[in-house]
Amino acid sequence: MIIKLKSKIKPTEDENKVIKAVKNIFKDAKIVVEDNYLVGESKDISRFKELLRSQAILDTARMVLERGINGNLTKFYLNKQAAFAGLVNFDRDIHGGIFVKLIAEEDEDLMKIIKDIAPKTKNGKIIDEDEDTDESEINKKN
């Protein structure tokens, strides 16, 4: 899986703080800043997964990841201020958040990646998933 990251750095924002926000969630991200945009790439999803579990937001994360599916990728936004504080907060602000794109490589199954990142829960506990997910079911939710 490849993780692509992008965020506009507003004139009122400190570039280093935006970089720190991204690195708080994707610690190994390779980042460049050009023309007031942070662009990054990572392969390490472990901190993101850890935060989803510690914040007990797996069901929300699963919904967001499934809603963002388009072919072999899923996309979503993270709130910069929350990320700076080391927290995951999904964002709807397409102009101010951190844009994240998770891309399944050729030999990977996107739904398996999503299940690994955000497994289903029941009463706050992760449940075993031996389901076959039909893509049409996901599309009905959108």
N, C-alpha and C. Protein backbone atom coordinates (compact mmCIF):
# COMPACT_ATOMS: atom_id res chain seq x y z
N MET A 1 0.84 -1.18 0.00
CA MET A 1 0.00 0.00 0.00
C MET A 1 0.89 1.24 0.00
N ILE A 2 0.43 2.20 -0.75
CA ILE A 2 1.12 3.50 -0.80
C ILE A 2 0.17 4.54 -0.22
N ILE A 3 0.70 5.39 0.63
CA ILE A 3 -0.10 6.45 1.24
C ILE A 3 0.39 7.77 0.67
N LYS A 4 -0.50 8.47 -0.02
CA LYS A 4 -0.17 9.79 -0.58
C LYS A 4 -0.83 10.84 0.29
N LEU A 5 -0.11 11.91 0.57
CA LEU A 5 -0.57 12.96 1.46
C LEU A 5 -0.42 14.32 0.79
N LYS A 6 -1.39 15.20 1.05
CA LYS A 6 -1.29 16.55 0.49
C LYS A 6 -2.05 17.50 1.40
N SER A 7 -1.49 18.68 1.59
CA SER A 7 -2.17 19.70 2.39
C SER A 7 -1.70 21.08 1.97
N LYS A 8 -2.65 21.97 1.83
CA LYS A 8 -2.32 23.37 1.56
C LYS A 8 -1.81 23.98 2.87
N ILE A 9 -0.75 24.73 2.79
CA ILE A 9 -0.24 25.45 3.95
C ILE A 9 -0.73 26.88 3.82
N LYS A 10 -1.67 27.23 4.65
CA LYS A 10 -2.28 28.57 4.59
C LYS A 10 -1.28 29.61 5.09
N PRO A 11 -1.43 30.86 4.65
CA PRO A 11 -0.51 31.93 5.10
C PRO A 11 -0.48 32.08 6.62
N THR A 12 -1.56 31.73 7.29
CA THR A 12 -1.62 31.85 8.76
C THR A 12 -1.03 30.65 9.47
N GLU A 13 -0.60 29.62 8.73
CA GLU A 13 -0.08 28.41 9.34
C GLU A 13 1.44 28.35 9.29
N ASP A 14 2.02 27.72 10.28
CA ASP A 14 3.46 27.50 10.35
C ASP A 14 3.77 26.20 9.60
N GLU A 15 4.59 26.30 8.58
CA GLU A 15 4.96 25.13 7.76
C GLU A 15 5.44 23.96 8.61
N ASN A 16 6.28 24.23 9.60
CA ASN A 16 6.83 23.17 10.45
C ASN A 16 5.75 22.47 11.27
N LYS A 17 4.73 23.23 11.66
CA LYS A 17 3.63 22.63 12.42
C LYS A 17 2.77 21.73 11.53
N VAL A 18 2.61 22.11 10.29
CA VAL A 18 1.85 21.26 9.35
C VAL A 18 2.64 19.97 9.09
N ILE A 19 3.93 20.08 8.93
CA ILE A 19 4.78 18.90 8.75
C ILE A 19 4.67 18.00 9.98
N LYS A 20 4.74 18.60 11.17
CA LYS A 20 4.63 17.82 12.42
C LYS A 20 3.28 17.13 12.50
N ALA A 21 2.22 17.80 12.09
CA ALA A 21 0.88 17.20 12.11
C ALA A 21 0.85 15.93 11.27
N VAL A 22 1.40 16.00 10.07
CA VAL A 22 1.43 14.83 9.20
C VAL A 22 2.29 13.73 9.80
N LYS A 23 3.46 14.08 10.31
CA LYS A 23 4.38 13.09 10.88
C LYS A 23 3.84 12.47 12.17
N ASN A 24 2.95 13.16 12.86
CA ASN A 24 2.33 12.58 14.05
C ASN A 24 1.44 11.39 13.70
N ILE A 25 0.92 11.38 12.48
CA ILE A 25 0.03 10.31 12.04
C ILE A 25 0.76 9.31 11.14
N PHE A 26 1.63 9.82 10.26
CA PHE A 26 2.39 8.98 9.33
C PHE A 26 3.87 9.28 9.55
N LYS A 27 4.44 8.61 10.56
CA LYS A 27 5.76 8.98 11.07
C LYS A 27 6.91 8.87 10.08
N ASP A 28 6.81 8.00 9.09
CA ASP A 28 7.92 7.85 8.14
C ASP A 28 7.69 8.61 6.84
N ALA A 29 6.69 9.47 6.81
CA ALA A 29 6.33 10.18 5.58
C ALA A 29 7.52 10.98 5.04
N LYS A 30 7.74 10.83 3.75
CA LYS A 30 8.73 11.64 3.04
C LYS A 30 7.96 12.86 2.54
N ILE A 31 8.40 14.03 2.97
CA ILE A 31 7.63 15.25 2.71
C ILE A 31 8.45 16.28 1.97
N VAL A 32 7.80 16.94 1.02
CA VAL A 32 8.37 18.11 0.36
C VAL A 32 7.32 19.22 0.41
N VAL A 33 7.79 20.46 0.46
CA VAL A 33 6.88 21.60 0.45
C VAL A 33 7.23 22.44 -0.77
N GLU A 34 6.20 22.65 -1.60
CA GLU A 34 6.37 23.46 -2.81
C GLU A 34 5.14 24.32 -3.00
N ASP A 35 5.35 25.59 -3.27
CA ASP A 35 4.25 26.52 -3.57
C ASP A 35 3.12 26.45 -2.54
N ASN A 36 3.49 26.48 -1.27
CA ASN A 36 2.52 26.46 -0.16
C ASN A 36 1.71 25.17 -0.07
N TYR A 37 2.22 24.08 -0.63
CA TYR A 37 1.58 22.77 -0.50
C TYR A 37 2.58 21.77 0.07
N LEU A 38 2.12 21.03 1.05
CA LEU A 38 2.88 19.91 1.57
C LEU A 38 2.45 18.70 0.77
N VAL A 39 3.41 17.96 0.25
CA VAL A 39 3.13 16.72 -0.48
C VAL A 39 4.00 15.65 0.14
N GLY A 40 3.39 14.52 0.46
CA GLY A 40 4.15 13.46 1.10
C GLY A 40 3.73 12.09 0.65
N GLU A 41 4.57 11.13 1.03
CA GLU A 41 4.29 9.73 0.72
C GLU A 41 4.81 8.89 1.87
N SER A 42 4.06 7.83 2.17
CA SER A 42 4.43 6.93 3.25
C SER A 42 4.00 5.52 2.88
N LYS A 43 4.53 4.56 3.61
CA LYS A 43 4.09 3.17 3.47
C LYS A 43 3.71 2.61 4.83
N ASP A 44 3.92 3.40 5.88
CA ASP A 44 3.69 2.91 7.24
C ASP A 44 2.36 3.42 7.79
N ILE A 45 1.42 2.51 7.97
CA ILE A 45 0.09 2.84 8.46
C ILE A 45 -0.05 2.53 9.95
N SER A 46 1.00 2.04 10.58
CA SER A 46 0.91 1.53 11.96
C SER A 46 0.46 2.58 12.97
N ARG A 47 0.97 3.79 12.91
CA ARG A 47 0.57 4.82 13.89
C ARG A 47 -0.89 5.21 13.69
N PHE A 48 -1.34 5.31 12.46
CA PHE A 48 -2.73 5.61 12.15
C PHE A 48 -3.63 4.53 12.76
N LYS A 49 -3.28 3.26 12.54
CA LYS A 49 -4.06 2.15 13.10
C LYS A 49 -4.08 2.20 14.63
N GLU A 50 -2.93 2.47 15.21
CA GLU A 50 -2.81 2.56 16.67
C GLU A 50 -3.72 3.66 17.23
N LEU A 51 -3.74 4.80 16.57
CA LEU A 51 -4.57 5.92 17.03
C LEU A 51 -6.06 5.60 16.90
N LEU A 52 -6.46 4.94 15.82
CA LEU A 52 -7.87 4.57 15.66
C LEU A 52 -8.32 3.67 16.80
N ARG A 53 -7.45 2.76 17.22
CA ARG A 53 -7.79 1.84 18.31
C ARG A 53 -7.80 2.56 19.66
N SER A 54 -6.79 3.36 19.91
CA SER A 54 -6.72 4.04 21.21
C SER A 54 -7.83 5.07 21.38
N GLN A 55 -8.29 5.65 20.27
CA GLN A 55 -9.38 6.62 20.34
C GLN A 55 -10.75 5.96 20.21
N ALA A 56 -10.76 4.65 19.99
CA ALA A 56 -12.01 3.87 19.86
C ALA A 56 -12.92 4.43 18.77
N ILE A 57 -12.33 4.68 17.59
CA ILE A 57 -13.11 5.21 16.47
C ILE A 57 -13.03 4.29 15.25
N LEU A 58 -12.92 2.99 15.48
CA LEU A 58 -12.78 2.04 14.38
C LEU A 58 -14.00 2.02 13.46
N ASP A 59 -15.20 2.06 14.04
CA ASP A 59 -16.41 2.02 13.20
C ASP A 59 -16.52 3.26 12.32
N THR A 60 -16.20 4.41 12.88
CA THR A 60 -16.22 5.65 12.10
C THR A 60 -15.17 5.58 11.00
N ALA A 61 -13.99 5.11 11.35
CA ALA A 61 -12.91 5.01 10.36
C ALA A 61 -13.31 4.07 9.23
N ARG A 62 -13.91 2.95 9.58
CA ARG A 62 -14.33 1.97 8.56
C ARG A 62 -15.32 2.63 7.60
N MET A 63 -16.29 3.36 8.16
CA MET A 63 -17.29 4.02 7.33
C MET A 63 -16.62 5.03 6.38
N VAL A 64 -15.71 5.83 6.91
CA VAL A 64 -15.02 6.85 6.10
C VAL A 64 -14.18 6.18 5.01
N LEU A 65 -13.45 5.14 5.37
CA LEU A 65 -12.60 4.45 4.39
C LEU A 65 -13.45 3.80 3.29
N GLU A 66 -14.56 3.19 3.66
CA GLU A 66 -15.42 2.56 2.65
C GLU A 66 -16.09 3.61 1.77
N ARG A 67 -16.51 4.70 2.36
CA ARG A 67 -17.17 5.77 1.59
C ARG A 67 -16.22 6.37 0.55
N GLY A 68 -14.93 6.38 0.84
CA GLY A 68 -13.96 7.01 -0.07
C GLY A 68 -13.41 6.10 -1.16
N ILE A 69 -13.92 4.87 -1.25
CA ILE A 69 -13.39 3.93 -2.24
C ILE A 69 -13.67 4.40 -3.67
N ASN A 70 -12.62 4.30 -4.48
CA ASN A 70 -12.72 4.59 -5.90
C ASN A 70 -11.70 3.69 -6.59
N GLY A 71 -12.14 2.56 -7.11
CA GLY A 71 -11.22 1.62 -7.75
C GLY A 71 -10.30 0.98 -6.72
N ASN A 72 -8.98 1.14 -6.92
CA ASN A 72 -8.00 0.51 -6.03
C ASN A 72 -7.50 1.45 -4.93
N LEU A 73 -8.29 2.52 -4.65
CA LEU A 73 -7.85 3.45 -3.61
C LEU A 73 -9.04 3.94 -2.79
N THR A 74 -8.71 4.49 -1.65
CA THR A 74 -9.71 5.19 -0.85
C THR A 74 -9.08 6.51 -0.42
N LYS A 75 -9.94 7.51 -0.24
CA LYS A 75 -9.41 8.84 0.09
C LYS A 75 -10.28 9.48 1.17
N PHE A 76 -9.64 10.33 1.96
CA PHE A 76 -10.31 11.02 3.05
C PHE A 76 -9.46 12.20 3.50
N TYR A 77 -10.03 13.00 4.38
CA TYR A 77 -9.32 14.17 4.93
C TYR A 77 -9.17 14.00 6.44
N LEU A 78 -8.05 14.48 6.96
CA LEU A 78 -7.81 14.53 8.40
C LEU A 78 -7.69 15.98 8.83
N ASN A 79 -8.18 16.28 10.00
CA ASN A 79 -8.08 17.61 10.57
C ASN A 79 -6.64 17.88 10.99
N LYS A 80 -6.08 18.99 10.54
CA LYS A 80 -4.68 19.33 10.84
C LYS A 80 -4.43 19.59 12.31
N GLN A 81 -5.35 20.34 12.95
CA GLN A 81 -5.15 20.67 14.37
C GLN A 81 -5.15 19.41 15.23
N ALA A 82 -6.07 18.50 14.95
CA ALA A 82 -6.11 17.24 15.70
C ALA A 82 -4.83 16.44 15.46
N ALA A 83 -4.40 16.37 14.20
CA ALA A 83 -3.18 15.63 13.86
C ALA A 83 -1.96 16.24 14.56
N PHE A 84 -1.93 17.56 14.66
CA PHE A 84 -0.82 18.22 15.36
C PHE A 84 -0.78 17.79 16.83
N ALA A 85 -1.97 17.53 17.40
CA ALA A 85 -2.06 17.07 18.78
C ALA A 85 -1.89 15.55 18.90
N GLY A 86 -1.64 14.88 17.76
CA GLY A 86 -1.44 13.44 17.78
C GLY A 86 -2.74 12.65 17.80
N LEU A 87 -3.81 13.23 17.28
CA LEU A 87 -5.11 12.58 17.26
C LEU A 87 -5.64 12.47 15.83
N VAL A 88 -6.49 11.47 15.61
CA VAL A 88 -7.16 11.33 14.32
C VAL A 88 -8.55 11.92 14.45
N ASN A 89 -8.85 12.84 13.56
CA ASN A 89 -10.19 13.41 13.47
C ASN A 89 -10.46 13.59 11.98
N PHE A 90 -11.44 12.84 11.48
CA PHE A 90 -11.76 12.93 10.06
C PHE A 90 -12.39 14.29 9.79
N ASP A 91 -12.04 14.84 8.64
CA ASP A 91 -12.41 16.22 8.32
C ASP A 91 -13.21 16.26 7.03
N ARG A 92 -14.14 17.18 6.96
CA ARG A 92 -14.89 17.39 5.72
C ARG A 92 -14.37 18.63 4.99
N ASP A 93 -13.51 19.37 5.64
CA ASP A 93 -13.00 20.62 5.07
C ASP A 93 -11.99 20.30 3.97
N ILE A 94 -12.44 20.30 2.74
CA ILE A 94 -11.55 19.93 1.64
C ILE A 94 -10.48 20.99 1.37
N HIS A 95 -10.64 22.17 1.94
CA HIS A 95 -9.66 23.23 1.70
C HIS A 95 -8.64 23.39 2.82
N GLY A 96 -8.87 22.75 3.97
CA GLY A 96 -7.97 23.00 5.07
C GLY A 96 -7.37 21.76 5.71
N GLY A 97 -7.87 20.59 5.36
CA GLY A 97 -7.40 19.37 6.00
C GLY A 97 -6.20 18.75 5.29
N ILE A 98 -5.82 17.60 5.82
CA ILE A 98 -4.76 16.81 5.20
C ILE A 98 -5.45 15.77 4.33
N PHE A 99 -5.22 15.83 3.04
CA PHE A 99 -5.81 14.88 2.11
C PHE A 99 -4.97 13.61 2.12
N VAL A 100 -5.63 12.48 2.36
CA VAL A 100 -4.95 11.19 2.44
C VAL A 100 -5.54 10.27 1.38
N LYS A 101 -4.66 9.63 0.64
CA LYS A 101 -5.09 8.66 -0.36
C LYS A 101 -4.35 7.36 -0.08
N LEU A 102 -5.09 6.29 0.22
CA LEU A 102 -4.50 4.96 0.43
C LEU A 102 -4.68 4.19 -0.87
N ILE A 103 -3.58 3.79 -1.46
CA ILE A 103 -3.62 3.12 -2.75
C ILE A 103 -3.16 1.68 -2.60
N ALA A 104 -4.03 0.73 -2.97
CA ALA A 104 -3.66 -0.68 -2.95
C ALA A 104 -2.79 -0.95 -4.16
N GLU A 105 -1.68 -1.61 -3.93
CA GLU A 105 -0.81 -1.96 -5.05
C GLU A 105 -1.40 -3.15 -5.79
N GLU A 106 -0.83 -3.48 -6.92
CA GLU A 106 -1.40 -4.47 -7.83
C GLU A 106 -1.75 -5.80 -7.17
N ASP A 107 -0.92 -6.27 -6.26
CA ASP A 107 -1.14 -7.58 -5.63
C ASP A 107 -1.93 -7.49 -4.32
N GLU A 108 -2.51 -6.35 -4.02
CA GLU A 108 -3.22 -6.15 -2.76
C GLU A 108 -4.73 -5.99 -2.99
N ASP A 109 -5.49 -6.38 -1.98
CA ASP A 109 -6.95 -6.24 -2.00
C ASP A 109 -7.31 -5.07 -1.09
N LEU A 110 -7.91 -4.03 -1.66
CA LEU A 110 -8.23 -2.82 -0.89
C LEU A 110 -9.13 -3.13 0.31
N MET A 111 -10.13 -3.98 0.14
CA MET A 111 -11.03 -4.29 1.26
C MET A 111 -10.29 -5.00 2.39
N LYS A 112 -9.33 -5.83 2.08
CA LYS A 112 -8.52 -6.49 3.13
C LYS A 112 -7.70 -5.44 3.88
N ILE A 113 -7.19 -4.46 3.16
CA ILE A 113 -6.44 -3.38 3.80
C ILE A 113 -7.35 -2.60 4.75
N ILE A 114 -8.55 -2.26 4.27
CA ILE A 114 -9.50 -1.51 5.10
C ILE A 114 -9.89 -2.31 6.33
N LYS A 115 -10.15 -3.62 6.16
CA LYS A 115 -10.50 -4.48 7.30
C LYS A 115 -9.37 -4.53 8.32
N ASP A 116 -8.12 -4.50 7.84
CA ASP A 116 -6.98 -4.51 8.74
C ASP A 116 -6.85 -3.18 9.49
N ILE A 117 -7.05 -2.10 8.78
CA ILE A 117 -6.93 -0.78 9.40
C ILE A 117 -8.07 -0.55 10.40
N ALA A 118 -9.28 -0.86 9.99
CA ALA A 118 -10.46 -0.56 10.81
C ALA A 118 -11.43 -1.75 10.83
N PRO A 119 -11.10 -2.76 11.63
CA PRO A 119 -12.00 -3.91 11.71
C PRO A 119 -13.32 -3.54 12.37
N LYS A 120 -14.35 -4.33 12.07
CA LYS A 120 -15.66 -4.10 12.68
C LYS A 120 -15.58 -4.36 14.17
N THR A 121 -16.44 -3.67 14.90
CA THR A 121 -16.50 -3.87 16.35
C THR A 121 -17.93 -4.16 16.78
N LYS A 122 -18.04 -4.75 17.96
CA LYS A 122 -19.34 -4.96 18.59
C LYS A 122 -19.13 -4.68 20.07
N ASN A 123 -19.95 -3.77 20.60
CA ASN A 123 -19.81 -3.35 21.99
C ASN A 123 -18.38 -2.89 22.31
N GLY A 124 -17.77 -2.22 21.33
CA GLY A 124 -16.44 -1.65 21.54
C GLY A 124 -15.29 -2.62 21.39
N LYS A 125 -15.57 -3.88 21.05
CA LYS A 125 -14.51 -4.88 20.89
C LYS A 125 -14.44 -5.32 19.43
N ILE A 126 -13.22 -5.52 18.95
CA ILE A 126 -13.02 -5.97 17.57
C ILE A 126 -13.60 -7.37 17.42
N ILE A 127 -14.37 -7.55 16.34
CA ILE A 127 -14.92 -8.88 16.05
C ILE A 127 -14.20 -9.49 14.87
N ASP A 128 -14.19 -10.81 14.82
CA ASP A 128 -13.56 -11.54 13.73
C ASP A 128 -14.34 -11.31 12.45
N GLU A 129 -13.62 -11.08 11.38
CA GLU A 129 -14.29 -10.86 10.10
C GLU A 129 -13.90 -11.96 9.12
N ASP A 130 -14.82 -12.84 8.87
CA ASP A 130 -14.61 -13.86 7.85
C ASP A 130 -15.61 -13.67 6.73
N GLU A 131 -16.00 -12.43 6.54
CA GLU A 131 -17.02 -12.12 5.54
C GLU A 131 -16.40 -11.89 4.18
N ASP A 132 -17.17 -12.16 3.17
CA ASP A 132 -16.79 -11.77 1.81
C ASP A 132 -17.56 -10.50 1.53
N THR A 133 -16.84 -9.42 1.32
CA THR A 133 -17.50 -8.14 1.08
C THR A 133 -17.77 -7.98 -0.40
N ASP A 134 -19.00 -7.73 -0.72
CA ASP A 134 -19.41 -7.48 -2.10
C ASP A 134 -19.32 -5.97 -2.34
N GLU A 135 -18.58 -5.57 -3.36
CA GLU A 135 -18.38 -4.15 -3.63
C GLU A 135 -19.71 -3.42 -3.85
N SER A 136 -20.71 -4.13 -4.35
CA SER A 136 -22.00 -3.48 -4.58
C SER A 136 -22.64 -3.08 -3.26
N GLU A 137 -22.37 -3.84 -2.18
CA GLU A 137 -22.89 -3.46 -0.86
C GLU A 137 -22.29 -2.14 -0.41
N ILE A 138 -21.03 -1.95 -0.67
CA ILE A 138 -20.35 -0.71 -0.29
C ILE A 138 -20.93 0.44 -1.11
N ASN A 139 -21.14 0.21 -2.39
CA ASN A 139 -21.66 1.27 -3.25
C ASN A 139 -23.06 1.68 -2.84
N LYS A 140 -23.86 0.75 -2.27
CA LYS A 140 -25.21 1.08 -1.81
C LYS A 140 -25.14 2.07 -0.65
N LYS A 141 -24.08 1.98 0.16
CA LYS A 141 -23.93 2.86 1.33
C LYS A 141 -23.61 4.28 0.91
N ASN A 142 -23.05 4.45 -0.28
CA ASN A 142 -22.61 5.78 -0.71
C ASN A 142 -23.72 6.61 -1.20
